[in-house]
Amino acid sequence: ISRLRTKVERECGQKLIVTVRGVGY
């Protein structure tokens, strides 16, 4: 998930992948 976030959200203003604490993504 961390690697995917880096590649998908790098240099982009909008964050798409969200962590829902204690539940999932």
mmCIF file of all heavy atoms, coordinates in Angstrom:
data_MODEL
# 
_entry.id   MODEL 
# 
loop_
_atom_site.group_PDB 
_atom_site.id 
_atom_site.type_symbol 
_atom_site.label_atom_id 
_atom_site.label_alt_id 
_atom_site.label_comp_id 
_atom_site.label_asym_id 
_atom_site.label_entity_id 
_atom_site.label_seq_id 
_atom_site.pdbx_PDB_ins_code 
_atom_site.Cartn_x 
_atom_site.Cartn_y 
_atom_site.Cartn_z 
_atom_site.occupancy 
_atom_site.B_iso_or_equiv 
_atom_site.pdbx_formal_charge 
_atom_site.auth_seq_id 
_atom_site.auth_comp_id 
_atom_site.auth_asym_id 
_atom_site.auth_atom_id 
_atom_site.pdbx_PDB_model_num 
ATOM 1   N N   . ILE A 1 1  ? 0.846   -1.201 0.000   1.00 0.00 ? 1  ILE A N   1 
ATOM 2   C CA  . ILE A 1 1  ? 0.000   0.000  0.000   1.00 0.00 ? 1  ILE A CA  1 
ATOM 3   C C   . ILE A 1 1  ? 0.879   1.248  0.000   1.00 0.00 ? 1  ILE A C   1 
ATOM 4   O O   . ILE A 1 1  ? 0.626   2.211  -0.737  1.00 0.00 ? 1  ILE A O   1 
ATOM 5   C CB  . ILE A 1 1  ? -0.937  0.013  1.223   1.00 0.00 ? 1  ILE A CB  1 
ATOM 6   C CG1 . ILE A 1 1  ? -2.067  -1.021 1.057   1.00 0.00 ? 1  ILE A CG1 1 
ATOM 7   C CG2 . ILE A 1 1  ? -1.505  1.412  1.448   1.00 0.00 ? 1  ILE A CG2 1 
ATOM 8   C CD1 . ILE A 1 1  ? -3.148  -0.629 0.075   1.00 0.00 ? 1  ILE A CD1 1 
ATOM 9   N N   . SER A 1 2  ? 1.930   1.244  0.821   1.00 0.00 ? 2  SER A N   1 
ATOM 10  C CA  . SER A 1 2  ? 2.834   2.390  0.893   1.00 0.00 ? 2  SER A CA  1 
ATOM 11  C C   . SER A 1 2  ? 3.502   2.650  -0.457  1.00 0.00 ? 2  SER A C   1 
ATOM 12  O O   . SER A 1 2  ? 3.577   3.790  -0.927  1.00 0.00 ? 2  SER A O   1 
ATOM 13  C CB  . SER A 1 2  ? 3.896   2.144  1.967   1.00 0.00 ? 2  SER A CB  1 
ATOM 14  O OG  . SER A 1 2  ? 4.825   3.209  2.008   1.00 0.00 ? 2  SER A OG  1 
ATOM 15  N N   . ARG A 1 3  ? 3.992   1.594  -1.093  1.00 0.00 ? 3  ARG A N   1 
ATOM 16  C CA  . ARG A 1 3  ? 4.635   1.745  -2.401  1.00 0.00 ? 3  ARG A CA  1 
ATOM 17  C C   . ARG A 1 3  ? 3.651   2.229  -3.452  1.00 0.00 ? 3  ARG A C   1 
ATOM 18  O O   . ARG A 1 3  ? 3.983   3.060  -4.305  1.00 0.00 ? 3  ARG A O   1 
ATOM 19  C CB  . ARG A 1 3  ? 5.258   0.419  -2.832  1.00 0.00 ? 3  ARG A CB  1 
ATOM 20  C CG  . ARG A 1 3  ? 6.433   -0.017 -1.988  1.00 0.00 ? 3  ARG A CG  1 
ATOM 21  C CD  . ARG A 1 3  ? 6.935   -1.369 -2.444  1.00 0.00 ? 3  ARG A CD  1 
ATOM 22  N NE  . ARG A 1 3  ? 8.070   -1.820 -1.643  1.00 0.00 ? 3  ARG A NE  1 
ATOM 23  C CZ  . ARG A 1 3  ? 8.608   -3.020 -1.741  1.00 0.00 ? 3  ARG A CZ  1 
ATOM 24  N NH1 . ARG A 1 3  ? 8.116   -3.903 -2.596  1.00 0.00 ? 3  ARG A NH1 1 
ATOM 25  N NH2 . ARG A 1 3  ? 9.639   -3.362 -0.990  1.00 0.00 ? 3  ARG A NH2 1 
ATOM 26  N N   . LEU A 1 4  ? 2.442   1.700  -3.394  1.00 0.00 ? 4  LEU A N   1 
ATOM 27  C CA  . LEU A 1 4  ? 1.422   2.080  -4.356  1.00 0.00 ? 4  LEU A CA  1 
ATOM 28  C C   . LEU A 1 4  ? 1.053   3.547  -4.200  1.00 0.00 ? 4  LEU A C   1 
ATOM 29  O O   . LEU A 1 4  ? 0.915   4.276  -5.193  1.00 0.00 ? 4  LEU A O   1 
ATOM 30  C CB  . LEU A 1 4  ? 0.189   1.197  -4.162  1.00 0.00 ? 4  LEU A CB  1 
ATOM 31  C CG  . LEU A 1 4  ? -0.871  1.221  -5.272  1.00 0.00 ? 4  LEU A CG  1 
ATOM 32  C CD1 . LEU A 1 4  ? -0.266  0.826  -6.605  1.00 0.00 ? 4  LEU A CD1 1 
ATOM 33  C CD2 . LEU A 1 4  ? -2.008  0.279  -4.900  1.00 0.00 ? 4  LEU A CD2 1 
ATOM 34  N N   . ARG A 1 5  ? 0.908   3.990  -2.967  1.00 0.00 ? 5  ARG A N   1 
ATOM 35  C CA  . ARG A 1 5  ? 0.613   5.400  -2.713  1.00 0.00 ? 5  ARG A CA  1 
ATOM 36  C C   . ARG A 1 5  ? 1.701   6.292  -3.305  1.00 0.00 ? 5  ARG A C   1 
ATOM 37  O O   . ARG A 1 5  ? 1.409   7.310  -3.942  1.00 0.00 ? 5  ARG A O   1 
ATOM 38  C CB  . ARG A 1 5  ? 0.528   5.650  -1.205  1.00 0.00 ? 5  ARG A CB  1 
ATOM 39  C CG  . ARG A 1 5  ? -0.821  5.383  -0.590  1.00 0.00 ? 5  ARG A CG  1 
ATOM 40  C CD  . ARG A 1 5  ? -0.919  6.111  0.739   1.00 0.00 ? 5  ARG A CD  1 
ATOM 41  N NE  . ARG A 1 5  ? -2.211  5.924  1.348   1.00 0.00 ? 5  ARG A NE  1 
ATOM 42  C CZ  . ARG A 1 5  ? -2.440  5.188  2.427   1.00 0.00 ? 5  ARG A CZ  1 
ATOM 43  N NH1 . ARG A 1 5  ? -1.439  4.531  3.002   1.00 0.00 ? 5  ARG A NH1 1 
ATOM 44  N NH2 . ARG A 1 5  ? -3.654  5.080  2.930   1.00 0.00 ? 5  ARG A NH2 1 
ATOM 45  N N   . THR A 1 6  ? 2.953   5.917  -3.083  1.00 0.00 ? 6  THR A N   1 
ATOM 46  C CA  . THR A 1 6  ? 4.059   6.727  -3.580  1.00 0.00 ? 6  THR A CA  1 
ATOM 47  C C   . THR A 1 6  ? 3.978   6.880  -5.096  1.00 0.00 ? 6  THR A C   1 
ATOM 48  O O   . THR A 1 6  ? 4.166   7.985  -5.637  1.00 0.00 ? 6  THR A O   1 
ATOM 49  C CB  . THR A 1 6  ? 5.411   6.085  -3.196  1.00 0.00 ? 6  THR A CB  1 
ATOM 50  O OG1 . THR A 1 6  ? 5.511   6.031  -1.771  1.00 0.00 ? 6  THR A OG1 1 
ATOM 51  C CG2 . THR A 1 6  ? 6.569   6.894  -3.755  1.00 0.00 ? 6  THR A CG2 1 
ATOM 52  N N   . LYS A 1 7  ? 3.684   5.809  -5.791  1.00 0.00 ? 7  LYS A N   1 
ATOM 53  C CA  . LYS A 1 7  ? 3.659   5.855  -7.252  1.00 0.00 ? 7  LYS A CA  1 
ATOM 54  C C   . LYS A 1 7  ? 2.409   6.531  -7.803  1.00 0.00 ? 7  LYS A C   1 
ATOM 55  O O   . LYS A 1 7  ? 2.477   7.278  -8.786  1.00 0.00 ? 7  LYS A O   1 
ATOM 56  C CB  . LYS A 1 7  ? 3.767   4.426  -7.818  1.00 0.00 ? 7  LYS A CB  1 
ATOM 57  C CG  . LYS A 1 7  ? 5.104   3.766  -7.541  1.00 0.00 ? 7  LYS A CG  1 
ATOM 58  C CD  . LYS A 1 7  ? 5.204   2.401  -8.195  1.00 0.00 ? 7  LYS A CD  1 
ATOM 59  C CE  . LYS A 1 7  ? 6.574   1.780  -7.966  1.00 0.00 ? 7  LYS A CE  1 
ATOM 60  N NZ  . LYS A 1 7  ? 6.740   0.474  -8.639  1.00 0.00 ? 7  LYS A NZ  1 
ATOM 61  N N   . VAL A 1 8  ? 1.259   6.280  -7.168  1.00 0.00 ? 8  VAL A N   1 
ATOM 62  C CA  . VAL A 1 8  ? 0.002   6.804  -7.688  1.00 0.00 ? 8  VAL A CA  1 
ATOM 63  C C   . VAL A 1 8  ? -0.212  8.265  -7.307  1.00 0.00 ? 8  VAL A C   1 
ATOM 64  O O   . VAL A 1 8  ? -0.804  9.035  -8.076  1.00 0.00 ? 8  VAL A O   1 
ATOM 65  C CB  . VAL A 1 8  ? -1.176  5.939  -7.186  1.00 0.00 ? 8  VAL A CB  1 
ATOM 66  C CG1 . VAL A 1 8  ? -2.516  6.587  -7.485  1.00 0.00 ? 8  VAL A CG1 1 
ATOM 67  C CG2 . VAL A 1 8  ? -1.117  4.554  -7.825  1.00 0.00 ? 8  VAL A CG2 1 
ATOM 68  N N   . GLU A 1 9  ? 0.274   8.670  -6.142  1.00 0.00 ? 9  GLU A N   1 
ATOM 69  C CA  . GLU A 1 9  ? -0.018  10.007 -5.636  1.00 0.00 ? 9  GLU A CA  1 
ATOM 70  C C   . GLU A 1 9  ? 1.162   10.961 -5.706  1.00 0.00 ? 9  GLU A C   1 
ATOM 71  O O   . GLU A 1 9  ? 1.040   12.119 -5.323  1.00 0.00 ? 9  GLU A O   1 
ATOM 72  C CB  . GLU A 1 9  ? -0.537  9.899  -4.196  1.00 0.00 ? 9  GLU A CB  1 
ATOM 73  C CG  . GLU A 1 9  ? -1.816  9.061  -4.105  1.00 0.00 ? 9  GLU A CG  1 
ATOM 74  C CD  . GLU A 1 9  ? -2.319  8.882  -2.692  1.00 0.00 ? 9  GLU A CD  1 
ATOM 75  O OE1 . GLU A 1 9  ? -1.569  9.238  -1.750  1.00 0.00 ? 9  GLU A OE1 1 
ATOM 76  O OE2 . GLU A 1 9  ? -3.446  8.379  -2.521  1.00 0.00 ? 9  GLU A OE2 1 
ATOM 77  N N   . ARG A 1 10 ? 2.295   10.479 -6.204  1.00 0.00 ? 10 ARG A N   1 
ATOM 78  C CA  . ARG A 1 10 ? 3.473   11.326 -6.315  1.00 0.00 ? 10 ARG A CA  1 
ATOM 79  C C   . ARG A 1 10 ? 3.192   12.492 -7.268  1.00 0.00 ? 10 ARG A C   1 
ATOM 80  O O   . ARG A 1 10 ? 2.696   12.308 -8.371  1.00 0.00 ? 10 ARG A O   1 
ATOM 81  C CB  . ARG A 1 10 ? 4.645   10.498 -6.832  1.00 0.00 ? 10 ARG A CB  1 
ATOM 82  C CG  . ARG A 1 10 ? 5.956   11.270 -6.957  1.00 0.00 ? 10 ARG A CG  1 
ATOM 83  C CD  . ARG A 1 10 ? 7.075   10.304 -7.284  1.00 0.00 ? 10 ARG A CD  1 
ATOM 84  N NE  . ARG A 1 10 ? 6.690   9.387  -8.360  1.00 0.00 ? 10 ARG A NE  1 
ATOM 85  C CZ  . ARG A 1 10 ? 7.244   8.199  -8.559  1.00 0.00 ? 10 ARG A CZ  1 
ATOM 86  N NH1 . ARG A 1 10 ? 8.185   7.756  -7.756  1.00 0.00 ? 10 ARG A NH1 1 
ATOM 87  N NH2 . ARG A 1 10 ? 6.849   7.444  -9.565  1.00 0.00 ? 10 ARG A NH2 1 
ATOM 88  N N   . GLU A 1 11 ? 3.499   13.700 -6.810  1.00 0.00 ? 11 GLU A N   1 
ATOM 89  C CA  . GLU A 1 11 ? 3.355   14.924 -7.598  1.00 0.00 ? 11 GLU A CA  1 
ATOM 90  C C   . GLU A 1 11 ? 1.908   15.215 -7.999  1.00 0.00 ? 11 GLU A C   1 
ATOM 91  O O   . GLU A 1 11 ? 1.647   15.950 -8.944  1.00 0.00 ? 11 GLU A O   1 
ATOM 92  C CB  . GLU A 1 11 ? 4.237   14.869 -8.861  1.00 0.00 ? 11 GLU A CB  1 
ATOM 93  C CG  . GLU A 1 11 ? 5.714   14.689 -8.563  1.00 0.00 ? 11 GLU A CG  1 
ATOM 94  C CD  . GLU A 1 11 ? 6.542   14.570 -9.833  1.00 0.00 ? 11 GLU A CD  1 
ATOM 95  O OE1 . GLU A 1 11 ? 5.945   14.651 -10.925 1.00 0.00 ? 11 GLU A OE1 1 
ATOM 96  O OE2 . GLU A 1 11 ? 7.765   14.421 -9.711  1.00 0.00 ? 11 GLU A OE2 1 
ATOM 97  N N   . CYS A 1 12 ? 0.959   14.607 -7.279  1.00 0.00 ? 12 CYS A N   1 
ATOM 98  C CA  . CYS A 1 12 ? -0.449  14.864 -7.558  1.00 0.00 ? 12 CYS A CA  1 
ATOM 99  C C   . CYS A 1 12 ? -1.093  15.525 -6.341  1.00 0.00 ? 12 CYS A C   1 
ATOM 100 O O   . CYS A 1 12 ? -0.805  15.159 -5.199  1.00 0.00 ? 12 CYS A O   1 
ATOM 101 C CB  . CYS A 1 12 ? -1.190  13.564 -7.882  1.00 0.00 ? 12 CYS A CB  1 
ATOM 102 S SG  . CYS A 1 12 ? -0.617  12.781 -9.406  1.00 0.00 ? 12 CYS A SG  1 
ATOM 103 N N   . GLY A 1 13 ? -1.977  16.473 -6.601  1.00 0.00 ? 13 GLY A N   1 
ATOM 104 C CA  . GLY A 1 13 ? -2.608  17.181 -5.501  1.00 0.00 ? 13 GLY A CA  1 
ATOM 105 C C   . GLY A 1 13 ? -3.634  16.337 -4.771  1.00 0.00 ? 13 GLY A C   1 
ATOM 106 O O   . GLY A 1 13 ? -3.791  16.440 -3.557  1.00 0.00 ? 13 GLY A O   1 
ATOM 107 N N   . GLN A 1 14 ? -4.330  15.472 -5.504  1.00 0.00 ? 14 GLN A N   1 
ATOM 108 C CA  . GLN A 1 14 ? -5.386  14.676 -4.896  1.00 0.00 ? 14 GLN A CA  1 
ATOM 109 C C   . GLN A 1 14 ? -4.872  13.326 -4.419  1.00 0.00 ? 14 GLN A C   1 
ATOM 110 O O   . GLN A 1 14 ? -4.201  12.611 -5.152  1.00 0.00 ? 14 GLN A O   1 
ATOM 111 C CB  . GLN A 1 14 ? -6.504  14.436 -5.912  1.00 0.00 ? 14 GLN A CB  1 
ATOM 112 C CG  . GLN A 1 14 ? -7.348  15.660 -6.215  1.00 0.00 ? 14 GLN A CG  1 
ATOM 113 C CD  . GLN A 1 14 ? -8.492  15.313 -7.138  1.00 0.00 ? 14 GLN A CD  1 
ATOM 114 O OE1 . GLN A 1 14 ? -8.330  14.499 -8.037  1.00 0.00 ? 14 GLN A OE1 1 
ATOM 115 N NE2 . GLN A 1 14 ? -9.648  15.925 -6.921  1.00 0.00 ? 14 GLN A NE2 1 
ATOM 116 N N   . LYS A 1 15 ? -5.218  12.995 -3.188  1.00 0.00 ? 15 LYS A N   1 
ATOM 117 C CA  . LYS A 1 15 ? -4.895  11.680 -2.650  1.00 0.00 ? 15 LYS A CA  1 
ATOM 118 C C   . LYS A 1 15 ? -6.110  10.782 -2.828  1.00 0.00 ? 15 LYS A C   1 
ATOM 119 O O   . LYS A 1 15 ? -7.228  11.164 -2.497  1.00 0.00 ? 15 LYS A O   1 
ATOM 120 C CB  . LYS A 1 15 ? -4.497  11.778 -1.179  1.00 0.00 ? 15 LYS A CB  1 
ATOM 121 C CG  . LYS A 1 15 ? -3.237  12.601 -0.947  1.00 0.00 ? 15 LYS A CG  1 
ATOM 122 C CD  . LYS A 1 15 ? -2.804  12.543 0.507   1.00 0.00 ? 15 LYS A CD  1 
ATOM 123 C CE  . LYS A 1 15 ? -1.555  13.385 0.749   1.00 0.00 ? 15 LYS A CE  1 
ATOM 124 N NZ  . LYS A 1 15 ? -0.422  12.923 -0.062  1.00 0.00 ? 15 LYS A NZ  1 
ATOM 125 N N   . LEU A 1 16 ? -5.867  9.598  -3.376  1.00 0.00 ? 16 LEU A N   1 
ATOM 126 C CA  . LEU A 1 16 ? -6.966  8.698  -3.695  1.00 0.00 ? 16 LEU A CA  1 
ATOM 127 C C   . LEU A 1 16 ? -7.077  7.520  -2.743  1.00 0.00 ? 16 LEU A C   1 
ATOM 128 O O   . LEU A 1 16 ? -8.171  7.018  -2.496  1.00 0.00 ? 16 LEU A O   1 
ATOM 129 C CB  . LEU A 1 16 ? -6.814  8.180  -5.130  1.00 0.00 ? 16 LEU A CB  1 
ATOM 130 C CG  . LEU A 1 16 ? -6.761  9.226  -6.242  1.00 0.00 ? 16 LEU A CG  1 
ATOM 131 C CD1 . LEU A 1 16 ? -6.595  8.536  -7.595  1.00 0.00 ? 16 LEU A CD1 1 
ATOM 132 C CD2 . LEU A 1 16 ? -8.002  10.087 -6.231  1.00 0.00 ? 16 LEU A CD2 1 
ATOM 133 N N   . ILE A 1 17 ? -5.951  7.012  -2.240  1.00 0.00 ? 17 ILE A N   1 
ATOM 134 C CA  . ILE A 1 17 ? -5.942  5.811  -1.393  1.00 0.00 ? 17 ILE A CA  1 
ATOM 135 C C   . ILE A 1 17 ? -5.993  6.245  0.071   1.00 0.00 ? 17 ILE A C   1 
ATOM 136 O O   . ILE A 1 17 ? -5.126  6.968  0.549   1.00 0.00 ? 17 ILE A O   1 
ATOM 137 C CB  . ILE A 1 17 ? -4.694  4.952  -1.658  1.00 0.00 ? 17 ILE A CB  1 
ATOM 138 C CG1 . ILE A 1 17 ? -4.649  4.538  -3.135  1.00 0.00 ? 17 ILE A CG1 1 
ATOM 139 C CG2 . ILE A 1 17 ? -4.698  3.714  -0.763  1.00 0.00 ? 17 ILE A CG2 1 
ATOM 140 C CD1 . ILE A 1 17 ? -3.387  3.817  -3.542  1.00 0.00 ? 17 ILE A CD1 1 
ATOM 141 N N   . VAL A 1 18 ? -7.022  5.793  0.754   1.00 0.00 ? 18 VAL A N   1 
ATOM 142 C CA  . VAL A 1 18 ? -7.287  6.237  2.127   1.00 0.00 ? 18 VAL A CA  1 
ATOM 143 C C   . VAL A 1 18 ? -7.158  5.062  3.086   1.00 0.00 ? 18 VAL A C   1 
ATOM 144 O O   . VAL A 1 18 ? -7.614  3.957  2.787   1.00 0.00 ? 18 VAL A O   1 
ATOM 145 C CB  . VAL A 1 18 ? -8.705  6.834  2.234   1.00 0.00 ? 18 VAL A CB  1 
ATOM 146 C CG1 . VAL A 1 18 ? -9.008  7.266  3.672   1.00 0.00 ? 18 VAL A CG1 1 
ATOM 147 C CG2 . VAL A 1 18 ? -8.864  7.994  1.268   1.00 0.00 ? 18 VAL A CG2 1 
ATOM 148 N N   . THR A 1 19 ? -6.511  5.309  4.232   1.00 0.00 ? 19 THR A N   1 
ATOM 149 C CA  . THR A 1 19 ? -6.456  4.318  5.311   1.00 0.00 ? 19 THR A CA  1 
ATOM 150 C C   . THR A 1 19 ? -7.609  4.558  6.273   1.00 0.00 ? 19 THR A C   1 
ATOM 151 O O   . THR A 1 19 ? -7.795  5.678  6.763   1.00 0.00 ? 19 THR A O   1 
ATOM 152 C CB  . THR A 1 19 ? -5.133  4.414  6.085   1.00 0.00 ? 19 THR A CB  1 
ATOM 153 O OG1 . THR A 1 19 ? -4.043  4.163  5.198   1.00 0.00 ? 19 THR A OG1 1 
ATOM 154 C CG2 . THR A 1 19 ? -5.087  3.405  7.227   1.00 0.00 ? 19 THR A CG2 1 
ATOM 155 N N   . VAL A 1 20 ? -8.405  3.546  6.514   1.00 0.00 ? 20 VAL A N   1 
ATOM 156 C CA  . VAL A 1 20 ? -9.466  3.615  7.519   1.00 0.00 ? 20 VAL A CA  1 
ATOM 157 C C   . VAL A 1 20 ? -8.946  2.873  8.739   1.00 0.00 ? 20 VAL A C   1 
ATOM 158 O O   . VAL A 1 20 ? -8.898  1.637  8.760   1.00 0.00 ? 20 VAL A O   1 
ATOM 159 C CB  . VAL A 1 20 ? -10.774 2.981  7.004   1.00 0.00 ? 20 VAL A CB  1 
ATOM 160 C CG1 . VAL A 1 20 ? -11.862 3.096  8.056   1.00 0.00 ? 20 VAL A CG1 1 
ATOM 161 C CG2 . VAL A 1 20 ? -11.200 3.648  5.705   1.00 0.00 ? 20 VAL A CG2 1 
ATOM 162 N N   . ARG A 1 21 ? -8.507  3.604  9.722   1.00 0.00 ? 21 ARG A N   1 
ATOM 163 C CA  . ARG A 1 21 ? -7.789  3.016  10.857  1.00 0.00 ? 21 ARG A CA  1 
ATOM 164 C C   . ARG A 1 21 ? -8.610  1.928  11.548  1.00 0.00 ? 21 ARG A C   1 
ATOM 165 O O   . ARG A 1 21 ? -9.777  2.116  11.847  1.00 0.00 ? 21 ARG A O   1 
ATOM 166 C CB  . ARG A 1 21 ? -7.403  4.097  11.866  1.00 0.00 ? 21 ARG A CB  1 
ATOM 167 C CG  . ARG A 1 21 ? -6.382  5.078  11.321  1.00 0.00 ? 21 ARG A CG  1 
ATOM 168 C CD  . ARG A 1 21 ? -5.822  5.974  12.414  1.00 0.00 ? 21 ARG A CD  1 
ATOM 169 N NE  . ARG A 1 21 ? -4.842  6.907  11.883  1.00 0.00 ? 21 ARG A NE  1 
ATOM 170 C CZ  . ARG A 1 21 ? -3.579  6.609  11.628  1.00 0.00 ? 21 ARG A CZ  1 
ATOM 171 N NH1 . ARG A 1 21 ? -3.151  5.385  11.884  1.00 0.00 ? 21 ARG A NH1 1 
ATOM 172 N NH2 . ARG A 1 21 ? -2.748  7.521  11.157  1.00 0.00 ? 21 ARG A NH2 1 
ATOM 173 N N   . GLY A 1 22 ? -7.933  0.797  11.755  1.00 0.00 ? 22 GLY A N   1 
ATOM 174 C CA  . GLY A 1 22 ? -8.568  -0.318 12.427  1.00 0.00 ? 22 GLY A CA  1 
ATOM 175 C C   . GLY A 1 22 ? -9.498  -1.127 11.554  1.00 0.00 ? 22 GLY A C   1 
ATOM 176 O O   . GLY A 1 22 ? -10.053 -2.135 12.000  1.00 0.00 ? 22 GLY A O   1 
ATOM 177 N N   . VAL A 1 23 ? -9.657  -0.712 10.288  1.00 0.00 ? 23 VAL A N   1 
ATOM 178 C CA  . VAL A 1 23 ? -10.574 -1.424 9.397   1.00 0.00 ? 23 VAL A CA  1 
ATOM 179 C C   . VAL A 1 23 ? -9.864  -1.898 8.129   1.00 0.00 ? 23 VAL A C   1 
ATOM 180 O O   . VAL A 1 23 ? -9.793  -3.078 7.840   1.00 0.00 ? 23 VAL A O   1 
ATOM 181 C CB  . VAL A 1 23 ? -11.781 -0.535 9.014   1.00 0.00 ? 23 VAL A CB  1 
ATOM 182 C CG1 . VAL A 1 23 ? -12.755 -1.326 8.132   1.00 0.00 ? 23 VAL A CG1 1 
ATOM 183 C CG2 . VAL A 1 23 ? -12.484 -0.031 10.255  1.00 0.00 ? 23 VAL A CG2 1 
ATOM 184 N N   . GLY A 1 24 ? -9.313  -0.952 7.359   1.00 0.00 ? 24 GLY A N   1 
ATOM 185 C CA  . GLY A 1 24 ? -8.650  -1.344 6.122   1.00 0.00 ? 24 GLY A CA  1 
ATOM 186 C C   . GLY A 1 24 ? -8.348  -0.152 5.238   1.00 0.00 ? 24 GLY A C   1 
ATOM 187 O O   . GLY A 1 24 ? -7.963  0.909  5.729   1.00 0.00 ? 24 GLY A O   1 
ATOM 188 N N   . TYR A 1 25 ? -8.588  -0.290 3.935   1.00 0.00 ? 25 TYR A N   1 
ATOM 189 C CA  . TYR A 1 25 ? -8.233  0.744  2.961   1.00 0.00 ? 25 TYR A CA  1 
ATOM 190 C C   . TYR A 1 25 ? -9.363  0.892  1.950   1.00 0.00 ? 25 TYR A C   1 
ATOM 191 O O   . TYR A 1 25 ? -10.159 -0.020 1.739   1.00 0.00 ? 25 TYR A O   1 
ATOM 192 C CB  . TYR A 1 25 ? -6.951  0.364  2.213   1.00 0.00 ? 25 TYR A CB  1 
ATOM 193 C CG  . TYR A 1 25 ? -5.783  0.061  3.120   1.00 0.00 ? 25 TYR A CG  1 
ATOM 194 C CD1 . TYR A 1 25 ? -5.554  -1.253 3.555   1.00 0.00 ? 25 TYR A CD1 1 
ATOM 195 C CD2 . TYR A 1 25 ? -4.923  1.060  3.559   1.00 0.00 ? 25 TYR A CD2 1 
ATOM 196 C CE1 . TYR A 1 25 ? -4.492  -1.533 4.393   1.00 0.00 ? 25 TYR A CE1 1 
ATOM 197 C CE2 . TYR A 1 25 ? -3.862  0.773  4.391   1.00 0.00 ? 25 TYR A CE2 1 
ATOM 198 C CZ  . TYR A 1 25 ? -3.645  -0.528 4.807   1.00 0.00 ? 25 TYR A CZ  1 
ATOM 199 O OH  . TYR A 1 25 ? -2.585  -0.806 5.641   1.00 0.00 ? 25 TYR A OH  1 
# 
